[in-house]
């Protein structure tokens, strides 16, 4: 009998708790049929406010501070009429391009007339896959000769995919071999 009374007393307490909980829920939510005012969600803060997205140089993009005195063109824009403007006496800026066989045949006279002052020309690259073969850029010699003829300052790059010191040394030796075939060519800019 005591056990039965204890169970009834306990279940009575539980019922009272449930009634109180229901009352609290109704008070919080309002009566059925009444509109419930929603608490406004906080406005999310934009972590990229005031930043611009640029290429990192490693196949990704990064966000950097935008400088009002340095207008830049959005990546991939068709119209590049707005130039980047730099001011200061501790540096100078040249307008240039980098090219490879992916651009095909280039009208270097038109490039020079457009105001381009230098070109960085791909000499070669390491191929993809396990073989990782070394390859010469199909237009390298032609691009060097034509850009030089137009009076552009020249630099060279090798698209490296070396994953070991040995492969990096192979790429450097291969690049030197390619450059040795142009003994009279002057490169004013570095090898990249």
C-alpha atoms as a PDB file:
ATOM      1  CA  UNK A   1       0.000   0.000   0.000  1.00  0.00           C
ATOM      2  CA  UNK A   2       2.839   2.375   0.850  1.00  0.00           C
ATOM      3  CA  UNK A   3       4.374   1.578  -2.510  1.00  0.00           C
ATOM      4  CA  UNK A   4       1.100   2.422  -4.288  1.00  0.00           C
ATOM      5  CA  UNK A   5       0.765   5.723  -2.383  1.00  0.00           C
ATOM      6  CA  UNK A   6       4.362   6.631  -3.155  1.00  0.00           C
ATOM      7  CA  UNK A   7       3.768   5.926  -6.878  1.00  0.00           C
ATOM      8  CA  UNK A   8       0.575   8.003  -6.864  1.00  0.00           C
ATOM      9  CA  UNK A   9       2.294  10.836  -5.009  1.00  0.00           C
ATOM     10  CA  UNK A  10       5.225  10.749  -7.453  1.00  0.00           C
ATOM     11  CA  UNK A  11       2.969  10.632 -10.472  1.00  0.00           C
ATOM     12  CA  UNK A  12       0.989  13.532  -9.022  1.00  0.00           C
ATOM     13  CA  UNK A  13       4.211  15.552  -8.771  1.00  0.00           C
ATOM     14  CA  UNK A  14       5.101  14.665 -12.325  1.00  0.00           C
ATOM     15  CA  UNK A  15       1.599  15.720 -13.472  1.00  0.00           C
ATOM     16  CA  UNK A  16       1.972  19.031 -11.640  1.00  0.00           C
ATOM     17  CA  UNK A  17       5.369  19.571 -13.261  1.00  0.00           C
ATOM     18  CA  UNK A  18       3.941  18.845 -16.705  1.00  0.00           C
ATOM     19  CA  UNK A  19       1.043  21.250 -16.120  1.00  0.00           C
ATOM     20  CA  UNK A  20       3.500  23.953 -14.993  1.00  0.00           C
ATOM     21  CA  UNK A  21       5.719  23.298 -18.032  1.00  0.00           C
ATOM     22  CA  UNK A  22       2.715  23.523 -20.362  1.00  0.00           C
ATOM     23  CA  UNK A  23       1.674  26.798 -18.742  1.00  0.00           C
ATOM     24  CA  UNK A  24       5.197  28.216 -19.231  1.00  0.00           C
ATOM     25  CA  UNK A  25       5.221  27.147 -22.855  1.00  0.00           C
ATOM     26  CA  UNK A  26       1.818  28.746 -23.461  1.00  0.00           C
ATOM     27  CA  UNK A  27       2.943  31.958 -21.779  1.00  0.00           C
ATOM     28  CA  UNK A  28       6.084  32.060 -23.878  1.00  0.00           C
ATOM     29  CA  UNK A  29       4.299  31.238 -27.111  1.00  0.00           C
ATOM     30  CA  UNK A  30       1.052  33.072 -26.556  1.00  0.00           C
ATOM     31  CA  UNK A  31      -2.432  31.689 -26.816  1.00  0.00           C
ATOM     32  CA  UNK A  32      -3.453  29.530 -29.750  1.00  0.00           C
ATOM     33  CA  UNK A  33      -4.447  31.727 -32.674  1.00  0.00           C
ATOM     34  CA  UNK A  34      -2.509  34.758 -31.409  1.00  0.00           C
ATOM     35  CA  UNK A  35       0.449  35.939 -33.546  1.00  0.00           C
ATOM     36  CA  UNK A  36       3.796  35.281 -31.951  1.00  0.00           C
ATOM     37  CA  UNK A  37       6.425  37.975 -32.265  1.00  0.00           C
ATOM     38  CA  UNK A  38       9.647  36.434 -33.491  1.00  0.00           C
ATOM     39  CA  UNK A  39      12.878  37.596 -31.997  1.00  0.00           C
ATOM     40  CA  UNK A  40      14.844  39.212 -34.822  1.00  0.00           C
ATOM     41  CA  UNK A  41      17.962  37.305 -35.760  1.00  0.00           C
ATOM     42  CA  UNK A  42      21.160  39.297 -35.393  1.00  0.00           C
ATOM     43  CA  UNK A  43      22.493  40.657 -38.665  1.00  0.00           C
ATOM     44  CA  UNK A  44      25.532  38.559 -39.605  1.00  0.00           C
ATOM     45  CA  UNK A  45      28.799  40.457 -39.833  1.00  0.00           C
ATOM     46  CA  UNK A  46      30.463  40.150 -43.241  1.00  0.00           C
ATOM     47  CA  UNK A  47      34.022  38.938 -42.553  1.00  0.00           C
ATOM     48  CA  UNK A  48      35.070  40.108 -46.029  1.00  0.00           C
ATOM     49  CA  UNK A  49      33.738  43.673 -45.812  1.00  0.00           C
ATOM     50  CA  UNK A  50      36.292  46.069 -47.289  1.00  0.00           C
ATOM     51  CA  UNK A  51      38.355  43.222 -48.789  1.00  0.00           C
ATOM     52  CA  UNK A  52      38.883  42.091 -52.379  1.00  0.00           C
ATOM     53  CA  UNK A  53      39.484  38.538 -53.574  1.00  0.00           C
ATOM     54  CA  UNK A  54      42.726  38.021 -55.522  1.00  0.00           C
ATOM     55  CA  UNK A  55      44.713  35.078 -56.823  1.00  0.00           C
ATOM     56  CA  UNK A  56      47.210  33.782 -54.270  1.00  0.00           C
ATOM     57  CA  UNK A  57      49.606  32.410 -56.868  1.00  0.00           C
ATOM     58  CA  UNK A  58      49.115  28.904 -55.517  1.00  0.00           C
ATOM     59  CA  UNK A  59      45.952  28.022 -57.394  1.00  0.00           C
ATOM     60  CA  UNK A  60      43.682  29.496 -54.719  1.00  0.00           C
ATOM     61  CA  UNK A  61      42.342  32.910 -53.894  1.00  0.00           C
ATOM     62  CA  UNK A  62      42.777  35.055 -50.824  1.00  0.00           C
ATOM     63  CA  UNK A  63      41.127  38.157 -49.387  1.00  0.00           C
ATOM     64  CA  UNK A  64      43.229  41.304 -49.020  1.00  0.00           C
ATOM     65  CA  UNK A  65      42.543  44.860 -47.954  1.00  0.00           C
ATOM     66  CA  UNK A  66      41.272  47.121 -50.686  1.00  0.00           C
ATOM     67  CA  UNK A  67      43.182  50.371 -51.036  1.00  0.00           C
ATOM     68  CA  UNK A  68      41.053  53.220 -52.413  1.00  0.00           C
ATOM     69  CA  UNK A  69      44.080  54.883 -54.000  1.00  0.00           C
ATOM     70  CA  UNK A  70      44.887  51.652 -55.891  1.00  0.00           C
ATOM     71  CA  UNK A  71      41.918  50.787 -58.121  1.00  0.00           C
ATOM     72  CA  UNK A  72      42.171  47.267 -59.517  1.00  0.00           C
ATOM     73  CA  UNK A  73      40.296  45.383 -62.188  1.00  0.00           C
ATOM     74  CA  UNK A  74      38.174  42.433 -61.151  1.00  0.00           C
ATOM     75  CA  UNK A  75      39.709  39.119 -62.143  1.00  0.00           C
ATOM     76  CA  UNK A  76      38.436  37.907 -65.467  1.00  0.00           C
ATOM     77  CA  UNK A  77      37.134  41.317 -66.537  1.00  0.00           C
ATOM     78  CA  UNK A  78      36.858  41.839 -70.262  1.00  0.00           C
ATOM     79  CA  UNK A  79      37.568  45.566 -70.185  1.00  0.00           C
ATOM     80  CA  UNK A  80      40.898  46.502 -68.623  1.00  0.00           C
ATOM     81  CA  UNK A  81      40.632  50.245 -69.216  1.00  0.00           C
ATOM     82  CA  UNK A  82      41.079  51.098 -65.533  1.00  0.00           C
ATOM     83  CA  UNK A  83      44.773  51.012 -64.688  1.00  0.00           C
ATOM     84  CA  UNK A  84      46.317  50.307 -61.331  1.00  0.00           C
ATOM     85  CA  UNK A  85      47.822  53.550 -60.032  1.00  0.00           C
ATOM     86  CA  UNK A  86      50.890  53.632 -57.806  1.00  0.00           C
ATOM     87  CA  UNK A  87      52.437  56.707 -56.260  1.00  0.00           C
ATOM     88  CA  UNK A  88      55.778  57.021 -54.560  1.00  0.00           C
ATOM     89  CA  UNK A  89      59.417  57.586 -55.348  1.00  0.00           C
ATOM     90  CA  UNK A  90      60.869  54.378 -53.888  1.00  0.00           C
ATOM     91  CA  UNK A  91      59.652  52.151 -56.718  1.00  0.00           C
ATOM     92  CA  UNK A  92      58.585  52.182 -60.333  1.00  0.00           C
ATOM     93  CA  UNK A  93      55.942  50.162 -62.088  1.00  0.00           C
ATOM     94  CA  UNK A  94      56.010  48.602 -65.543  1.00  0.00           C
ATOM     95  CA  UNK A  95      53.120  47.128 -67.450  1.00  0.00           C
ATOM     96  CA  UNK A  96      53.718  43.539 -68.491  1.00  0.00           C
ATOM     97  CA  UNK A  97      52.325  40.156 -69.425  1.00  0.00           C
ATOM     98  CA  UNK A  98      53.272  36.526 -69.103  1.00  0.00           C
ATOM     99  CA  UNK A  99      52.718  34.189 -72.027  1.00  0.00           C
ATOM    100  CA  UNK A 100      53.004  30.554 -73.003  1.00  0.00           C
ATOM    101  CA  UNK A 101      51.935  28.323 -75.869  1.00  0.00           C
ATOM    102  CA  UNK A 102      48.387  28.588 -74.515  1.00  0.00           C
ATOM    103  CA  UNK A 103      48.100  32.058 -76.094  1.00  0.00           C
ATOM    104  CA  UNK A 104      49.047  30.660 -79.522  1.00  0.00           C
ATOM    105  CA  UNK A 105      50.549  33.051 -82.056  1.00  0.00           C
ATOM    106  CA  UNK A 106      50.821  36.556 -80.602  1.00  0.00           C
ATOM    107  CA  UNK A 107      50.763  39.859 -82.485  1.00  0.00           C
ATOM    108  CA  UNK A 108      53.756  41.327 -80.624  1.00  0.00           C
ATOM    109  CA  UNK A 109      53.521  44.668 -82.488  1.00  0.00           C
ATOM    110  CA  UNK A 110      49.981  45.094 -81.132  1.00  0.00           C
ATOM    111  CA  UNK A 111      51.192  44.093 -77.659  1.00  0.00           C
ATOM    112  CA  UNK A 112      53.927  46.743 -77.732  1.00  0.00           C
ATOM    113  CA  UNK A 113      51.515  49.374 -79.111  1.00  0.00           C
ATOM    114  CA  UNK A 114      49.106  48.662 -76.222  1.00  0.00           C
ATOM    115  CA  UNK A 115      51.676  49.943 -73.720  1.00  0.00           C
ATOM    116  CA  UNK A 116      53.063  46.624 -72.518  1.00  0.00           C
ATOM    117  CA  UNK A 117      56.695  47.165 -71.522  1.00  0.00           C
ATOM    118  CA  UNK A 118      57.812  43.652 -70.589  1.00  0.00           C
ATOM    119  CA  UNK A 119      56.988  39.999 -71.134  1.00  0.00           C
ATOM    120  CA  UNK A 120      57.729  36.961 -68.996  1.00  0.00           C
ATOM    121  CA  UNK A 121      57.813  34.042 -71.417  1.00  0.00           C
ATOM    122  CA  UNK A 122      57.434  30.394 -70.466  1.00  0.00           C
ATOM    123  CA  UNK A 123      60.421  28.301 -71.537  1.00  0.00           C
ATOM    124  CA  UNK A 124      59.066  24.933 -70.451  1.00  0.00           C
ATOM    125  CA  UNK A 125      57.205  22.889 -67.881  1.00  0.00           C
ATOM    126  CA  UNK A 126      57.011  19.556 -66.128  1.00  0.00           C
ATOM    127  CA  UNK A 127      54.099  17.426 -67.297  1.00  0.00           C
ATOM    128  CA  UNK A 128      51.416  15.901 -65.125  1.00  0.00           C
ATOM    129  CA  UNK A 129      51.207  12.323 -63.943  1.00  0.00           C
ATOM    130  CA  UNK A 130      53.692   9.817 -62.624  1.00  0.00           C
ATOM    131  CA  UNK A 131      56.059  10.277 -65.572  1.00  0.00           C
ATOM    132  CA  UNK A 132      56.386  14.030 -64.982  1.00  0.00           C
ATOM    133  CA  UNK A 133      58.184  14.565 -68.279  1.00  0.00           C
ATOM    134  CA  UNK A 134      60.074  17.777 -68.998  1.00  0.00           C
ATOM    135  CA  UNK A 135      58.680  19.747 -71.922  1.00  0.00           C
ATOM    136  CA  UNK A 136      59.684  22.785 -73.914  1.00  0.00           C
ATOM    137  CA  UNK A 137      57.052  25.475 -74.552  1.00  0.00           C
ATOM    138  CA  UNK A 138      56.238  25.189 -78.266  1.00  0.00           C
ATOM    139  CA  UNK A 139      56.284  28.984 -78.809  1.00  0.00           C
ATOM    140  CA  UNK A 140      59.219  29.903 -76.546  1.00  0.00           C
ATOM    141  CA  UNK A 141      61.890  30.747 -79.167  1.00  0.00           C
ATOM    142  CA  UNK A 142      59.330  32.450 -81.433  1.00  0.00           C
ATOM    143  CA  UNK A 143      57.913  34.547 -78.571  1.00  0.00           C
ATOM    144  CA  UNK A 144      61.368  35.572 -77.341  1.00  0.00           C
ATOM    145  CA  UNK A 145      62.474  36.681 -80.825  1.00  0.00           C
ATOM    146  CA  UNK A 146      59.253  38.570 -81.640  1.00  0.00           C
ATOM    147  CA  UNK A 147      58.956  40.286 -78.229  1.00  0.00           C
ATOM    148  CA  UNK A 148      62.617  41.269 -78.325  1.00  0.00           C
ATOM    149  CA  UNK A 149      62.163  42.669 -81.830  1.00  0.00           C
ATOM    150  CA  UNK A 150      59.431  44.955 -80.453  1.00  0.00           C
ATOM    151  CA  UNK A 151      61.792  46.278 -77.764  1.00  0.00           C
ATOM    152  CA  UNK A 152      60.072  44.634 -74.809  1.00  0.00           C
ATOM    153  CA  UNK A 153      62.104  43.784 -71.723  1.00  0.00           C
ATOM    154  CA  UNK A 154      62.164  40.010 -71.278  1.00  0.00           C
ATOM    155  CA  UNK A 155      62.129  37.493 -68.472  1.00  0.00           C
ATOM    156  CA  UNK A 156      61.655  33.736 -68.505  1.00  0.00           C
ATOM    157  CA  UNK A 157      59.723  31.253 -66.411  1.00  0.00           C
ATOM    158  CA  UNK A 158      59.614  27.500 -66.046  1.00  0.00           C
ATOM    159  CA  UNK A 159      56.354  25.997 -64.804  1.00  0.00           C
ATOM    160  CA  UNK A 160      57.648  23.690 -62.109  1.00  0.00           C
ATOM    161  CA  UNK A 161      55.839  20.744 -60.628  1.00  0.00           C
ATOM    162  CA  UNK A 162      58.872  19.261 -58.928  1.00  0.00           C
ATOM    163  CA  UNK A 163      58.056  17.255 -55.837  1.00  0.00           C
ATOM    164  CA  UNK A 164      61.627  16.327 -54.908  1.00  0.00           C
ATOM    165  CA  UNK A 165      64.973  18.111 -54.829  1.00  0.00           C
ATOM    166  CA  UNK A 166      66.144  15.833 -57.647  1.00  0.00           C
ATOM    167  CA  UNK A 167      63.231  16.876 -59.853  1.00  0.00           C
ATOM    168  CA  UNK A 168      63.897  20.567 -59.118  1.00  0.00           C
ATOM    169  CA  UNK A 169      67.536  20.091 -60.136  1.00  0.00           C
ATOM    170  CA  UNK A 170      66.409  18.329 -63.346  1.00  0.00           C
ATOM    171  CA  UNK A 171      64.107  21.251 -64.156  1.00  0.00           C
ATOM    172  CA  UNK A 172      66.855  23.822 -63.550  1.00  0.00           C
ATOM    173  CA  UNK A 173      69.292  21.910 -65.781  1.00  0.00           C
ATOM    174  CA  UNK A 174      66.634  21.570 -68.494  1.00  0.00           C
ATOM    175  CA  UNK A 175      65.884  25.308 -68.345  1.00  0.00           C
ATOM    176  CA  UNK A 176      69.589  26.134 -68.683  1.00  0.00           C
ATOM    177  CA  UNK A 177      69.738  23.831 -71.710  1.00  0.00           C
ATOM    178  CA  UNK A 178      66.808  25.677 -73.333  1.00  0.00           C
ATOM    179  CA  UNK A 179      68.378  29.081 -72.604  1.00  0.00           C
ATOM    180  CA  UNK A 180      71.750  27.974 -73.999  1.00  0.00           C
ATOM    181  CA  UNK A 181      70.100  27.653 -77.415  1.00  0.00           C
ATOM    182  CA  UNK A 182      69.631  31.452 -77.397  1.00  0.00           C
ATOM    183  CA  UNK A 183      73.214  32.566 -76.602  1.00  0.00           C
ATOM    184  CA  UNK A 184      72.828  36.077 -78.002  1.00  0.00           C
ATOM    185  CA  UNK A 185      69.509  36.826 -76.333  1.00  0.00           C
ATOM    186  CA  UNK A 186      69.545  39.356 -73.502  1.00  0.00           C
ATOM    187  CA  UNK A 187      67.107  38.821 -70.654  1.00  0.00           C
ATOM    188  CA  UNK A 188      66.809  41.963 -68.553  1.00  0.00           C
ATOM    189  CA  UNK A 189      64.360  40.404 -66.136  1.00  0.00           C
ATOM    190  CA  UNK A 190      64.848  37.330 -63.935  1.00  0.00           C
ATOM    191  CA  UNK A 191      64.192  33.674 -64.497  1.00  0.00           C
ATOM    192  CA  UNK A 192      61.106  32.710 -62.521  1.00  0.00           C
END
